[in-house]
Amino acid sequence: MADAKVISPHEIQVEGALPADATAIRLVRSSDADIPLAVVSVKPAAQANSFVLTTAETLNSQDHFQLTAKGVDQAWDIAPSPLAMVVSVIIGSALINNFVFTRYLGLCVFFGVSRNKDTAIGMGVTFTIVGVLSGMIAWALNTIALVPLKLEFMQIIAFIGIVACLVQATDLILKKVNPILHKKFGIYLVLITTNCIILAVPLLNATSGATMLQAFGLSLGAGLGFALALFLMSCAIEKVNMAPVPMVFKGLPIAFIIAGLFALSFLGFSGLKVA
């Protein structure tokens, strides 16, 4: 395979010889190999022996493409760089598709430990560590054992077992290292085992056939997104506690209102437009 990469939303730079006729070039997404993308023009690039293809359709730099040309034996496989892919998955799961503010998962722990900033930060760090470890172990178990042995129906049980073991280990370590923080967490530390986010991540990795880097990015991004949600909520709650909130809104009602406002703001990351 020769080198090729997406350099703009409508351009691909290709290293190697290409025909000048755009109709002799076939560009497809790897996921839709039967649907060719229209190539508008072919022109020489600034680099020697390189060409720039201009397409009519907008290209996503995170997609995989295949490029062939009539009369040219070589083919081009255009894939995103591993670093760019991991960064995009982390940003996507932490901000654009935040599990708390856009998917409304993990609300039990979210509302339970967001009353205090120090507790929220500690839970965010703990949750991220457990989430990354459980996500990677679950991905390895699913890839190495469950899928080859046709045991996909055991995924939920296996993933919950992995999370339970990690949470139990975290509970014991935290009790020895920081008993004050352990006491502040209370029952919510154990509830990580049944947290929707901590279980959703390995299930999403398994159902989407994610690679190891994609699984790591989703696990880390989900943990960072949950930690960010806890921190923002704890800061807002501390400010609200010093404000004259009407009696009818004190407690969970005002917390739900604040969470709703955060959810609206996070929808802006996905390009929400108001007509």
C-alpha atoms as a PDB file:
ATOM      1  CA  MET A   1       0.000   0.000   0.000  1.00  0.00           C
ATOM      2  CA  ALA A   2       1.250   3.496  -0.902  1.00  0.00           C
ATOM      3  CA  ASP A   3       0.906   6.513   1.341  1.00  0.00           C
ATOM      4  CA  ALA A   4      -2.261   8.624   1.241  1.00  0.00           C
ATOM      5  CA  LYS A   5      -3.998  10.869   3.775  1.00  0.00           C
ATOM      6  CA  VAL A   6      -6.927  13.245   4.138  1.00  0.00           C
ATOM      7  CA  ILE A   7      -5.544  16.796   4.268  1.00  0.00           C
ATOM      8  CA  SER A   8      -8.835  18.756   4.211  1.00  0.00           C
ATOM      9  CA  PRO A   9     -12.586  18.041   4.219  1.00  0.00           C
ATOM     10  CA  HIS A  10     -12.529  17.722   0.416  1.00  0.00           C
ATOM     11  CA  GLU A  11      -8.913  16.771  -0.398  1.00  0.00           C
ATOM     12  CA  ILE A  12      -6.725  13.668  -0.240  1.00  0.00           C
ATOM     13  CA  GLN A  13      -2.992  13.726  -0.865  1.00  0.00           C
ATOM     14  CA  VAL A  14      -1.701  10.613  -2.602  1.00  0.00           C
ATOM     15  CA  GLU A  15       1.908   9.539  -3.042  1.00  0.00           C
ATOM     16  CA  GLY A  16       2.494   7.783  -6.348  1.00  0.00           C
ATOM     17  CA  ALA A  17       1.445   7.962  -9.994  1.00  0.00           C
ATOM     18  CA  LEU A  18      -2.188   8.746 -10.782  1.00  0.00           C
ATOM     19  CA  PRO A  19      -4.033   9.280 -14.078  1.00  0.00           C
ATOM     20  CA  ALA A  20      -5.086  12.856 -14.806  1.00  0.00           C
ATOM     21  CA  ASP A  21      -8.626  11.714 -15.598  1.00  0.00           C
ATOM     22  CA  ALA A  22     -10.703  11.885 -12.399  1.00  0.00           C
ATOM     23  CA  THR A  23     -13.196   9.348 -13.765  1.00  0.00           C
ATOM     24  CA  ALA A  24     -10.439   6.708 -13.816  1.00  0.00           C
ATOM     25  CA  ILE A  25     -10.076   6.926 -10.033  1.00  0.00           C
ATOM     26  CA  ARG A  26     -12.308   5.004  -7.625  1.00  0.00           C
ATOM     27  CA  LEU A  27     -12.572   6.161  -4.018  1.00  0.00           C
ATOM     28  CA  VAL A  28     -14.773   4.332  -1.503  1.00  0.00           C
ATOM     29  CA  ARG A  29     -15.223   4.107   2.241  1.00  0.00           C
ATOM     30  CA  SER A  30     -14.072   0.765   3.585  1.00  0.00           C
ATOM     31  CA  SER A  31     -17.440   0.348   5.323  1.00  0.00           C
ATOM     32  CA  ASP A  32     -19.346   1.058   2.034  1.00  0.00           C
ATOM     33  CA  ALA A  33     -17.133  -0.486  -0.627  1.00  0.00           C
ATOM     34  CA  ASP A  34     -19.977  -0.577  -3.189  1.00  0.00           C
ATOM     35  CA  ILE A  35     -20.658   3.171  -3.065  1.00  0.00           C
ATOM     36  CA  PRO A  36     -17.951   5.228  -4.834  1.00  0.00           C
ATOM     37  CA  LEU A  37     -17.271   8.818  -3.826  1.00  0.00           C
ATOM     38  CA  ALA A  38     -17.182  11.340  -6.655  1.00  0.00           C
ATOM     39  CA  VAL A  39     -13.676  12.636  -7.466  1.00  0.00           C
ATOM     40  CA  VAL A  40     -13.889  16.131  -8.986  1.00  0.00           C
ATOM     41  CA  SER A  41     -10.270  16.754  -9.976  1.00  0.00           C
ATOM     42  CA  VAL A  42      -6.696  15.472  -9.789  1.00  0.00           C
ATOM     43  CA  LYS A  43      -3.773  17.897  -9.605  1.00  0.00           C
ATOM     44  CA  PRO A  44      -0.053  17.619  -8.754  1.00  0.00           C
ATOM     45  CA  ALA A  45       0.867  18.361  -5.151  1.00  0.00           C
ATOM     46  CA  ALA A  46       3.754  20.498  -3.921  1.00  0.00           C
ATOM     47  CA  GLN A  47       5.727  17.363  -3.091  1.00  0.00           C
ATOM     48  CA  ALA A  48       7.326  15.400  -5.902  1.00  0.00           C
ATOM     49  CA  ASN A  49       5.464  12.338  -7.198  1.00  0.00           C
ATOM     50  CA  SER A  50       2.350  13.281  -5.204  1.00  0.00           C
ATOM     51  CA  PHE A  51      -1.149  14.278  -6.239  1.00  0.00           C
ATOM     52  CA  VAL A  52      -4.128  15.924  -4.571  1.00  0.00           C
ATOM     53  CA  LEU A  53      -7.627  14.562  -5.185  1.00  0.00           C
ATOM     54  CA  THR A  54     -10.620  16.852  -4.720  1.00  0.00           C
ATOM     55  CA  THR A  55     -13.923  15.195  -3.827  1.00  0.00           C
ATOM     56  CA  ALA A  56     -17.464  16.486  -4.082  1.00  0.00           C
ATOM     57  CA  GLU A  57     -18.468  14.931  -0.769  1.00  0.00           C
ATOM     58  CA  THR A  58     -17.111  16.082   2.576  1.00  0.00           C
ATOM     59  CA  LEU A  59     -14.575  13.600   3.967  1.00  0.00           C
ATOM     60  CA  ASN A  60     -14.294  12.627   7.611  1.00  0.00           C
ATOM     61  CA  SER A  61     -10.634  12.262   8.563  1.00  0.00           C
ATOM     62  CA  GLN A  62     -11.602   9.512  11.030  1.00  0.00           C
ATOM     63  CA  ASP A  63     -13.069   7.266   8.304  1.00  0.00           C
ATOM     64  CA  HIS A  64     -11.195   4.558   6.408  1.00  0.00           C
ATOM     65  CA  PHE A  65     -11.000   4.857   2.622  1.00  0.00           C
ATOM     66  CA  GLN A  66      -9.750   2.702  -0.243  1.00  0.00           C
ATOM     67  CA  LEU A  67      -8.406   4.231  -3.446  1.00  0.00           C
ATOM     68  CA  THR A  68      -7.717   2.513  -6.774  1.00  0.00           C
ATOM     69  CA  ALA A  69      -7.022   3.817 -10.281  1.00  0.00           C
ATOM     70  CA  LYS A  70      -7.322   2.314 -13.748  1.00  0.00           C
ATOM     71  CA  GLY A  71      -3.976   1.289 -15.170  1.00  0.00           C
ATOM     72  CA  VAL A  72      -2.258   1.532 -11.782  1.00  0.00           C
ATOM     73  CA  ASP A  73      -1.408  -1.713 -10.025  1.00  0.00           C
ATOM     74  CA  GLN A  74      -0.976  -0.291  -6.536  1.00  0.00           C
ATOM     75  CA  ALA A  75      -3.844   0.594  -4.198  1.00  0.00           C
ATOM     76  CA  TRP A  76      -4.107   3.081  -1.344  1.00  0.00           C
ATOM     77  CA  ASP A  77      -5.557   2.371   2.081  1.00  0.00           C
ATOM     78  CA  ILE A  78      -6.335   5.696   3.799  1.00  0.00           C
ATOM     79  CA  ALA A  79      -6.698   5.358   7.568  1.00  0.00           C
ATOM     80  CA  PRO A  80      -6.526   7.889  10.420  1.00  0.00           C
ATOM     81  CA  SER A  81      -3.395   7.959  12.547  1.00  0.00           C
ATOM     82  CA  PRO A  82      -3.679   5.965  15.808  1.00  0.00           C
ATOM     83  CA  LEU A  83      -3.027   9.061  17.935  1.00  0.00           C
ATOM     84  CA  ALA A  84      -5.692  11.096  16.131  1.00  0.00           C
ATOM     85  CA  MET A  85      -8.159   8.244  16.479  1.00  0.00           C
ATOM     86  CA  VAL A  86      -7.576   7.885  20.237  1.00  0.00           C
ATOM     87  CA  VAL A  87      -7.806  11.645  20.809  1.00  0.00           C
ATOM     88  CA  SER A  88     -11.046  11.881  18.814  1.00  0.00           C
ATOM     89  CA  VAL A  89     -12.609   8.989  20.750  1.00  0.00           C
ATOM     90  CA  ILE A  90     -11.590  10.525  24.091  1.00  0.00           C
ATOM     91  CA  ILE A  91     -12.975  13.951  23.164  1.00  0.00           C
ATOM     92  CA  GLY A  92     -16.122  12.401  21.733  1.00  0.00           C
ATOM     93  CA  SER A  93     -16.931  10.316  24.817  1.00  0.00           C
ATOM     94  CA  ALA A  94     -15.922  13.025  27.309  1.00  0.00           C
ATOM     95  CA  LEU A  95     -17.607  16.054  25.727  1.00  0.00           C
ATOM     96  CA  ILE A  96     -19.687  15.421  22.607  1.00  0.00           C
ATOM     97  CA  ASN A  97     -21.346  12.235  23.923  1.00  0.00           C
ATOM     98  CA  ASN A  98     -20.849  12.752  27.661  1.00  0.00           C
ATOM     99  CA  PHE A  99     -22.442   9.767  29.388  1.00  0.00           C
ATOM    100  CA  VAL A 100     -24.029  11.917  32.118  1.00  0.00           C
ATOM    101  CA  PHE A 101     -25.218  15.014  30.277  1.00  0.00           C
ATOM    102  CA  THR A 102     -26.129  13.524  26.884  1.00  0.00           C
ATOM    103  CA  ARG A 103     -26.924   9.865  27.687  1.00  0.00           C
ATOM    104  CA  TYR A 104     -28.125  10.398  31.276  1.00  0.00           C
ATOM    105  CA  LEU A 105     -26.279   7.403  32.707  1.00  0.00           C
ATOM    106  CA  GLY A 106     -24.702   7.041  36.161  1.00  0.00           C
ATOM    107  CA  LEU A 107     -27.063   9.565  37.753  1.00  0.00           C
ATOM    108  CA  CYS A 108     -27.250   7.749  41.105  1.00  0.00           C
ATOM    109  CA  VAL A 109     -23.563   8.221  41.918  1.00  0.00           C
ATOM    110  CA  PHE A 110     -23.568  11.579  40.118  1.00  0.00           C
ATOM    111  CA  PHE A 111     -26.180  13.146  42.403  1.00  0.00           C
ATOM    112  CA  GLY A 112     -24.915  11.298  45.458  1.00  0.00           C
ATOM    113  CA  VAL A 113     -21.308  12.532  45.553  1.00  0.00           C
ATOM    114  CA  SER A 114     -21.546  15.901  43.790  1.00  0.00           C
ATOM    115  CA  ARG A 115     -22.506  17.841  46.935  1.00  0.00           C
ATOM    116  CA  ASN A 116     -18.856  18.399  47.905  1.00  0.00           C
ATOM    117  CA  LYS A 117     -16.010  19.366  45.580  1.00  0.00           C
ATOM    118  CA  ASP A 118     -13.304  17.258  47.287  1.00  0.00           C
ATOM    119  CA  THR A 119     -15.527  14.180  47.296  1.00  0.00           C
ATOM    120  CA  ALA A 120     -16.466  14.754  43.655  1.00  0.00           C
ATOM    121  CA  ILE A 121     -12.816  15.013  42.587  1.00  0.00           C
ATOM    122  CA  GLY A 122     -11.901  11.865  44.525  1.00  0.00           C
ATOM    123  CA  MET A 123     -14.787   9.912  43.028  1.00  0.00           C
ATOM    124  CA  GLY A 124     -13.930  11.191  39.551  1.00  0.00           C
ATOM    125  CA  VAL A 125     -10.348   9.971  39.803  1.00  0.00           C
ATOM    126  CA  THR A 126     -11.402   6.645  41.340  1.00  0.00           C
ATOM    127  CA  PHE A 127     -14.106   6.129  38.739  1.00  0.00           C
ATOM    128  CA  THR A 128     -11.717   6.898  35.863  1.00  0.00           C
ATOM    129  CA  ILE A 129      -9.105   4.421  37.124  1.00  0.00           C
ATOM    130  CA  VAL A 130     -11.678   1.674  37.636  1.00  0.00           C
ATOM    131  CA  GLY A 131     -13.307   2.476  34.281  1.00  0.00           C
ATOM    132  CA  VAL A 132     -10.065   2.277  32.293  1.00  0.00           C
ATOM    133  CA  LEU A 133      -8.911  -0.939  33.992  1.00  0.00           C
ATOM    134  CA  SER A 134     -12.295  -2.656  33.679  1.00  0.00           C
ATOM    135  CA  GLY A 135     -12.714  -1.496  30.088  1.00  0.00           C
ATOM    136  CA  MET A 136      -9.343  -2.854  28.969  1.00  0.00           C
ATOM    137  CA  ILE A 137      -9.618  -6.125  30.918  1.00  0.00           C
ATOM    138  CA  ALA A 138     -13.146  -6.655  29.569  1.00  0.00           C
ATOM    139  CA  TRP A 139     -11.962  -5.926  26.014  1.00  0.00           C
ATOM    140  CA  ALA A 140      -9.118  -8.435  26.356  1.00  0.00           C
ATOM    141  CA  LEU A 141     -11.410 -11.097  27.837  1.00  0.00           C
ATOM    142  CA  ASN A 142     -14.026 -10.559  25.137  1.00  0.00           C
ATOM    143  CA  THR A 143     -11.474 -10.586  22.300  1.00  0.00           C
ATOM    144  CA  ILE A 144      -9.357 -13.502  23.514  1.00  0.00           C
ATOM    145  CA  ALA A 145     -11.977 -15.780  25.093  1.00  0.00           C
ATOM    146  CA  LEU A 146     -15.659 -14.874  24.725  1.00  0.00           C
ATOM    147  CA  VAL A 147     -15.792 -14.188  20.973  1.00  0.00           C
ATOM    148  CA  PRO A 148     -13.542 -17.103  19.838  1.00  0.00           C
ATOM    149  CA  LEU A 149     -15.460 -19.517  22.085  1.00  0.00           C
ATOM    150  CA  LYS A 150     -18.868 -18.174  20.997  1.00  0.00           C
ATOM    151  CA  LEU A 151     -19.689 -17.105  24.572  1.00  0.00           C
ATOM    152  CA  GLU A 152     -20.984 -13.618  23.806  1.00  0.00           C
ATOM    153  CA  PHE A 153     -24.083 -14.318  25.919  1.00  0.00           C
ATOM    154  CA  MET A 154     -21.775 -14.292  28.963  1.00  0.00           C
ATOM    155  CA  GLN A 155     -20.589 -10.736  28.371  1.00  0.00           C
ATOM    156  CA  ILE A 156     -22.741  -8.969  30.982  1.00  0.00           C
ATOM    157  CA  ILE A 157     -21.953 -11.496  33.719  1.00  0.00           C
ATOM    158  CA  ALA A 158     -18.241 -11.481  32.902  1.00  0.00           C
ATOM    159  CA  PHE A 159     -18.026  -7.692  32.737  1.00  0.00           C
ATOM    160  CA  ILE A 160     -19.884  -7.214  36.033  1.00  0.00           C
ATOM    161  CA  GLY A 161     -17.542  -9.742  37.658  1.00  0.00           C
ATOM    162  CA  ILE A 162     -14.498  -7.795  36.437  1.00  0.00           C
ATOM    163  CA  VAL A 163     -15.898  -4.486  37.722  1.00  0.00           C
ATOM    164  CA  ALA A 164     -16.874  -6.038  41.071  1.00  0.00           C
ATOM    165  CA  CYS A 165     -13.357  -7.370  41.630  1.00  0.00           C
ATOM    166  CA  LEU A 166     -11.793  -4.008  40.764  1.00  0.00           C
ATOM    167  CA  VAL A 167     -14.225  -2.072  42.979  1.00  0.00           C
ATOM    168  CA  GLN A 168     -13.568  -4.429  45.878  1.00  0.00           C
ATOM    169  CA  ALA A 169      -9.821  -3.967  45.452  1.00  0.00           C
ATOM    170  CA  THR A 170     -10.285  -0.185  45.231  1.00  0.00           C
ATOM    171  CA  ASP A 171     -12.409  -0.232  48.376  1.00  0.00           C
ATOM    172  CA  LEU A 172      -9.731  -2.081  50.348  1.00  0.00           C
ATOM    173  CA  ILE A 173      -6.893   0.122  49.051  1.00  0.00           C
ATOM    174  CA  LEU A 174      -8.788   3.361  49.661  1.00  0.00           C
ATOM    175  CA  LYS A 175      -9.744   2.276  53.168  1.00  0.00           C
ATOM    176  CA  LYS A 176      -6.041   1.874  53.995  1.00  0.00           C
ATOM    177  CA  VAL A 177      -4.668   4.853  52.065  1.00  0.00           C
ATOM    178  CA  ASN A 178      -7.347   7.516  52.682  1.00  0.00           C
ATOM    179  CA  PRO A 179      -9.954   6.431  55.250  1.00  0.00           C
ATOM    180  CA  ILE A 180     -11.494   9.929  55.393  1.00  0.00           C
ATOM    181  CA  LEU A 181     -12.249   9.951  51.666  1.00  0.00           C
ATOM    182  CA  HIS A 182     -13.412   6.340  51.890  1.00  0.00           C
ATOM    183  CA  LYS A 183     -15.918   7.364  54.573  1.00  0.00           C
ATOM    184  CA  LYS A 184     -17.156  10.279  52.443  1.00  0.00           C
ATOM    185  CA  PHE A 185     -17.793   7.962  49.493  1.00  0.00           C
ATOM    186  CA  GLY A 186     -19.912   5.682  51.662  1.00  0.00           C
ATOM    187  CA  ILE A 187     -22.217   3.351  49.757  1.00  0.00           C
ATOM    188  CA  TYR A 188     -21.553   5.151  46.462  1.00  0.00           C
ATOM    189  CA  LEU A 189     -18.129   3.528  46.087  1.00  0.00           C
ATOM    190  CA  VAL A 190     -19.732   0.082  46.078  1.00  0.00           C
ATOM    191  CA  LEU A 191     -22.398   1.338  43.667  1.00  0.00           C
ATOM    192  CA  ILE A 192     -19.701   1.758  41.007  1.00  0.00           C
ATOM    193  CA  THR A 193     -20.152  -1.979  40.417  1.00  0.00           C
ATOM    194  CA  THR A 194     -23.672  -1.435  39.093  1.00  0.00           C
ATOM    195  CA  ASN A 195     -23.012   1.994  37.559  1.00  0.00           C
ATOM    196  CA  CYS A 196     -24.530   2.243  34.085  1.00  0.00           C
ATOM    197  CA  ILE A 197     -21.449   3.916  32.614  1.00  0.00           C
ATOM    198  CA  ILE A 198     -18.954   1.411  33.988  1.00  0.00           C
ATOM    199  CA  LEU A 199     -20.953  -1.400  32.353  1.00  0.00           C
ATOM    200  CA  ALA A 200     -21.900   0.480  29.178  1.00  0.00           C
ATOM    201  CA  VAL A 201     -18.275   1.073  28.141  1.00  0.00           C
ATOM    202  CA  PRO A 202     -17.205  -2.601  27.782  1.00  0.00           C
ATOM    203  CA  LEU A 203     -20.562  -3.464  26.198  1.00  0.00           C
ATOM    204  CA  LEU A 204     -20.147  -0.680  23.621  1.00  0.00           C
ATOM    205  CA  ASN A 205     -16.609  -1.863  22.908  1.00  0.00           C
ATOM    206  CA  ALA A 206     -17.814  -5.439  22.483  1.00  0.00           C
ATOM    207  CA  THR A 207     -20.804  -4.677  20.246  1.00  0.00           C
ATOM    208  CA  SER A 208     -18.889  -2.258  18.011  1.00  0.00           C
ATOM    209  CA  GLY A 209     -15.875  -4.537  17.558  1.00  0.00           C
ATOM    210  CA  ALA A 210     -13.559  -1.816  18.835  1.00  0.00           C
ATOM    211  CA  THR A 211      -9.801  -2.133  18.544  1.00  0.00           C
ATOM    212  CA  MET A 212      -7.576  -1.939  21.623  1.00  0.00           C
ATOM    213  CA  LEU A 213      -6.862   1.772  21.038  1.00  0.00           C
ATOM    214  CA  GLN A 214     -10.543   2.555  20.508  1.00  0.00           C
ATOM    215  CA  ALA A 215     -11.463   0.629  23.671  1.00  0.00           C
ATOM    216  CA  PHE A 216      -8.839   2.548  25.641  1.00  0.00           C
ATOM    217  CA  GLY A 217     -10.048   5.872  24.246  1.00  0.00           C
ATOM    218  CA  LEU A 218     -13.687   5.164  25.093  1.00  0.00           C
ATOM    219  CA  SER A 219     -12.835   3.920  28.607  1.00  0.00           C
ATOM    220  CA  LEU A 220     -10.639   6.928  29.379  1.00  0.00           C
ATOM    221  CA  GLY A 221     -13.012   9.410  27.763  1.00  0.00           C
ATOM    222  CA  ALA A 222     -16.022   8.060  29.652  1.00  0.00           C
ATOM    223  CA  GLY A 223     -14.127   8.295  32.954  1.00  0.00           C
ATOM    224  CA  LEU A 224     -12.881  11.818  32.244  1.00  0.00           C
ATOM    225  CA  GLY A 225     -16.355  12.874  31.154  1.00  0.00           C
ATOM    226  CA  PHE A 226     -17.881  11.535  34.374  1.00  0.00           C
ATOM    227  CA  ALA A 227     -15.166  13.240  36.435  1.00  0.00           C
ATOM    228  CA  LEU A 228     -15.798  16.513  34.593  1.00  0.00           C
ATOM    229  CA  ALA A 229     -19.546  16.221  35.202  1.00  0.00           C
ATOM    230  CA  LEU A 230     -18.979  15.603  38.924  1.00  0.00           C
ATOM    231  CA  PHE A 231     -16.595  18.551  39.229  1.00  0.00           C
ATOM    232  CA  LEU A 232     -18.880  20.985  37.405  1.00  0.00           C
ATOM    233  CA  MET A 233     -21.901  19.850  39.396  1.00  0.00           C
ATOM    234  CA  SER A 234     -20.072  20.097  42.735  1.00  0.00           C
ATOM    235  CA  CYS A 235     -18.920  23.651  41.940  1.00  0.00           C
ATOM    236  CA  ALA A 236     -22.461  24.655  41.029  1.00  0.00           C
ATOM    237  CA  ILE A 237     -23.970  23.008  44.131  1.00  0.00           C
ATOM    238  CA  GLU A 238     -21.500  24.793  46.424  1.00  0.00           C
ATOM    239  CA  LYS A 239     -22.558  28.126  44.901  1.00  0.00           C
ATOM    240  CA  VAL A 240     -26.257  27.259  45.137  1.00  0.00           C
ATOM    241  CA  ASN A 241     -25.915  26.276  48.803  1.00  0.00           C
ATOM    242  CA  MET A 242     -24.931  29.877  49.559  1.00  0.00           C
ATOM    243  CA  ALA A 243     -27.888  31.306  47.597  1.00  0.00           C
ATOM    244  CA  PRO A 244     -31.448  31.903  48.882  1.00  0.00           C
ATOM    245  CA  VAL A 245     -33.065  28.952  47.089  1.00  0.00           C
ATOM    246  CA  PRO A 246     -36.849  28.654  47.664  1.00  0.00           C
ATOM    247  CA  MET A 247     -37.753  25.831  50.030  1.00  0.00           C
ATOM    248  CA  VAL A 248     -39.661  23.918  47.365  1.00  0.00           C
ATOM    249  CA  PHE A 249     -36.527  23.740  45.159  1.00  0.00           C
ATOM    250  CA  LYS A 250     -33.961  22.777  47.797  1.00  0.00           C
ATOM    251  CA  GLY A 251     -32.223  19.418  47.489  1.00  0.00           C
ATOM    252  CA  LEU A 252     -32.809  17.235  44.425  1.00  0.00           C
ATOM    253  CA  PRO A 253     -35.153  19.642  42.565  1.00  0.00           C
ATOM    254  CA  ILE A 254     -32.505  22.356  42.175  1.00  0.00           C
ATOM    255  CA  ALA A 255     -29.890  19.656  41.451  1.00  0.00           C
ATOM    256  CA  PHE A 256     -32.001  18.348  38.565  1.00  0.00           C
ATOM    257  CA  ILE A 257     -32.447  21.884  37.233  1.00  0.00           C
ATOM    258  CA  ILE A 258     -28.684  22.501  37.305  1.00  0.00           C
ATOM    259  CA  ALA A 259     -28.007  19.136  35.656  1.00  0.00           C
ATOM    260  CA  GLY A 260     -30.533  20.008  32.935  1.00  0.00           C
ATOM    261  CA  LEU A 261     -28.792  23.312  32.242  1.00  0.00           C
ATOM    262  CA  PHE A 262     -25.436  21.515  32.004  1.00  0.00           C
ATOM    263  CA  ALA A 263     -27.016  18.988  29.632  1.00  0.00           C
ATOM    264  CA  LEU A 264     -28.249  21.789  27.377  1.00  0.00           C
ATOM    265  CA  SER A 265     -24.791  23.358  27.294  1.00  0.00           C
ATOM    266  CA  PHE A 266     -23.117  20.033  26.472  1.00  0.00           C
ATOM    267  CA  LEU A 267     -25.500  19.542  23.552  1.00  0.00           C
ATOM    268  CA  GLY A 268     -23.683  22.477  21.962  1.00  0.00           C
ATOM    269  CA  PHE A 269     -20.639  20.225  21.457  1.00  0.00           C
ATOM    270  CA  SER A 270     -22.687  18.048  19.106  1.00  0.00           C
ATOM    271  CA  GLY A 271     -23.659  21.023  16.936  1.00  0.00           C
ATOM    272  CA  LEU A 272     -27.169  21.650  18.278  1.00  0.00           C
ATOM    273  CA  LYS A 273     -28.798  24.525  16.410  1.00  0.00           C
ATOM    274  CA  VAL A 274     -31.835  26.540  17.425  1.00  0.00           C
ATOM    275  CA  ALA A 275     -33.967  27.485  14.429  1.00  0.00           C
END
